[in-house]
Protein backbone atom coordinates (compact mmCIF):
# COMPACT_ATOMS: atom_id res chain seq x y z
CA MET A 1 -23.38 -7.86 8.17
CA THR A 2 -21.66 -9.11 11.31
CA GLN A 3 -19.34 -12.00 12.04
CA ASP A 4 -22.34 -13.88 13.43
CA VAL A 5 -23.71 -14.55 9.93
CA VAL A 6 -20.43 -16.05 8.68
CA VAL A 7 -20.47 -19.85 8.60
CA ILE A 8 -17.17 -21.68 8.17
CA THR A 9 -17.36 -25.15 6.60
CA ARG A 10 -14.73 -27.67 5.62
CA VAL A 11 -14.27 -28.39 1.90
CA VAL A 12 -13.71 -32.08 1.22
CA GLU A 13 -14.75 -33.57 -2.12
CA THR A 14 -15.25 -30.66 -4.51
CA LEU A 15 -14.58 -26.95 -4.51
CA PRO A 16 -17.66 -25.17 -3.17
CA ASP A 17 -20.54 -23.82 -5.22
CA GLY A 18 -19.72 -20.24 -6.19
CA PHE A 19 -16.00 -20.87 -6.51
CA ASP A 20 -16.18 -19.67 -10.12
CA VAL A 21 -17.16 -16.21 -8.81
CA ILE A 22 -14.16 -16.19 -6.48
CA LEU A 23 -11.89 -17.37 -9.29
CA GLU A 24 -13.04 -14.55 -11.56
CA ALA A 25 -12.85 -11.88 -8.85
CA ALA A 26 -9.33 -12.88 -7.84
CA ALA A 27 -8.18 -12.84 -11.45
CA SER A 28 -9.67 -9.37 -11.98
CA GLU A 29 -7.58 -8.16 -9.00
CA GLY A 30 -4.44 -9.78 -10.36
CA VAL A 31 -4.40 -12.35 -7.54
CA ARG A 32 -3.27 -15.73 -8.87
CA ASN A 33 -3.79 -17.87 -5.78
CA MET A 34 -7.35 -18.91 -6.64
CA ALA A 35 -6.35 -20.05 -10.14
CA MET A 36 -3.52 -22.00 -8.52
CA LEU A 37 -5.99 -23.54 -6.07
CA ALA A 38 -8.35 -24.56 -8.88
CA ASP A 39 -5.53 -26.10 -10.93
CA GLN A 40 -3.96 -27.95 -8.01
CA TRP A 41 -7.33 -29.17 -6.74
CA ALA A 42 -8.26 -30.50 -10.19
CA SER A 43 -4.92 -32.27 -10.60
CA GLY A 44 -4.97 -33.63 -7.05
CA GLY A 45 -1.69 -31.84 -6.39
CA GLN A 46 -3.06 -30.02 -3.35
CA ARG A 47 -6.15 -31.29 -1.54
CA PHE A 48 -5.43 -30.04 1.99
CA ASP A 49 -5.43 -33.56 3.41
CA GLU A 50 -5.24 -34.24 7.15
CA PRO A 51 -3.81 -32.79 9.25
CA GLY A 52 -4.57 -29.88 6.92
CA ALA A 53 -7.92 -28.61 5.72
CA LEU A 54 -9.55 -26.30 3.19
CA PHE A 55 -12.31 -24.07 4.53
CA ALA A 56 -15.12 -22.09 2.90
CA ALA A 57 -16.79 -19.04 4.42
CA LEU A 58 -20.49 -18.71 3.67
CA VAL A 59 -22.59 -15.60 4.21
CA ASP A 60 -26.32 -16.21 3.91
CA GLY A 61 -25.44 -19.38 2.00
CA ASP A 62 -23.25 -17.58 -0.54
CA LEU A 63 -19.55 -18.34 -0.85
CA ALA A 64 -17.64 -15.35 0.51
CA GLY A 65 -14.12 -16.75 0.75
CA VAL A 66 -11.82 -19.74 1.05
CA GLY A 67 -8.54 -20.61 2.74
CA GLY A 68 -6.58 -23.66 3.74
CA VAL A 69 -3.70 -25.08 5.70
CA THR A 70 -1.28 -27.92 4.88
CA VAL A 71 1.87 -29.45 6.28
CA GLU A 72 4.84 -27.07 5.92
CA THR A 73 7.80 -28.94 4.47
CA GLY A 74 10.43 -26.20 4.56
CA ALA A 75 10.57 -25.29 8.25
CA GLY A 76 12.98 -27.93 9.55
CA GLU A 77 10.55 -28.61 12.40
CA PRO A 78 6.87 -29.55 12.68
CA ALA A 79 4.91 -26.71 11.10
CA MET A 80 1.78 -25.99 9.10
CA ARG A 81 1.44 -23.63 6.11
CA MET A 82 -1.49 -21.24 5.57
CA TRP A 83 -2.51 -21.22 1.88
CA ARG A 84 -4.89 -19.69 -0.62
CA LEU A 85 -6.82 -17.26 1.58
CA TYR A 86 -9.12 -15.09 -0.48
CA VAL A 87 -12.28 -13.15 0.38
CA LEU A 88 -14.55 -11.58 -2.22
CA PRO A 89 -14.27 -7.77 -2.17
CA MET A 90 -17.93 -7.27 -1.18
CA PHE A 91 -17.35 -9.32 2.01
CA ARG A 92 -14.14 -7.63 3.14
CA ARG A 93 -14.02 -5.56 6.32
CA PHE A 94 -16.79 -7.68 7.89
CA GLY A 95 -14.61 -10.27 9.64
CA VAL A 96 -14.86 -12.98 6.98
CA GLY A 97 -11.08 -13.16 6.51
CA ARG A 98 -10.51 -13.23 10.26
CA ARG A 99 -12.99 -16.07 10.68
CA LEU A 100 -11.38 -18.07 7.87
CA ALA A 101 -7.87 -17.41 9.19
CA GLY A 102 -9.04 -18.38 12.67
CA ALA A 103 -10.29 -21.75 11.42
CA MET A 104 -7.06 -22.27 9.50
CA MET A 105 -4.96 -21.37 12.53
CA GLN A 106 -6.95 -23.62 14.85
CA GLN A 107 -6.52 -26.54 12.44
CA GLY A 108 -2.83 -25.80 12.02
CA PHE A 109 -2.07 -25.50 15.74
CA GLN A 110 -3.74 -28.86 16.37
CA ALA A 111 -0.94 -30.42 14.29
CA ALA A 112 2.13 -28.26 14.97
CA PRO A 113 3.40 -25.39 17.14
CA LEU A 114 4.49 -23.25 14.17
CA LEU A 115 2.40 -21.71 11.38
CA THR A 116 3.83 -20.08 8.26
CA VAL A 117 2.39 -18.05 5.39
CA ASN A 118 3.62 -16.32 2.25
CA ALA A 119 1.88 -12.95 2.22
CA GLY A 120 2.99 -12.00 -1.28
CA ALA A 121 -0.34 -12.55 -3.07
CA SER A 122 -1.56 -8.96 -2.63
CA ASP A 123 -0.68 -5.67 -0.96
CA ALA A 124 -3.30 -6.35 1.71
CA ALA A 125 -1.94 -9.77 2.69
CA ALA A 126 1.04 -8.74 4.84
CA PRO A 127 -0.90 -6.23 6.97
CA PHE A 128 -3.68 -8.81 7.39
CA TRP A 129 -1.32 -11.51 8.67
CA ASP A 130 0.46 -8.94 10.86
CA ALA A 131 -2.92 -8.13 12.43
CA MET A 132 -3.55 -11.85 12.97
CA GLY A 133 -0.44 -12.00 15.15
CA PHE A 134 2.08 -13.31 12.63
CA SER A 135 5.59 -11.84 12.53
CA ARG A 136 7.67 -11.26 9.44
CA THR A 137 10.37 -13.87 8.94
CA ASP A 138 12.94 -15.09 6.49
CA ALA A 139 13.74 -18.22 8.52
CA VAL A 140 11.49 -20.51 6.45
CA THR A 141 12.02 -20.78 2.70
CA GLY A 142 9.01 -19.39 0.83
CA ALA A 143 7.37 -17.89 3.91
CA THR A 144 7.12 -14.20 4.71
CA HIS A 145 5.42 -14.59 8.11
CA ALA A 146 5.32 -17.08 10.98
CA LEU A 147 3.42 -17.54 14.23
CA ARG A 148 4.50 -19.82 17.05
CA LEU A 149 2.06 -21.29 19.58
């Protein structure tokens, strides 16, 4: 598989088909962010409204991962927050996460010059965001990393 077969789409009305597989896989890894996404989506508490967005990564039509971006409220300046990035284990190391993060970052930078993320969901999160160009920070409450345009 190459990055060329990864299609990134925007999630608007309902969580994408196959989300139940992602929910189960994340839970089996001890990653809670997909359960939080499902709960907050169902309650309407987090829908990734404009200028934010929730994205799905599809590989050959199958859901491979999700991730979103919303307005960051704790930065003290215009900023966007990266949220709920998760890629199914079988699709890791093929660029799916990078493609999702790239879509999230593009959306975020259209709205603000600063992006934040909390990379505490898994041991792999901090090195991933480091590789995406983010720097570790404690300047924004609840964020572990930030990237300025």
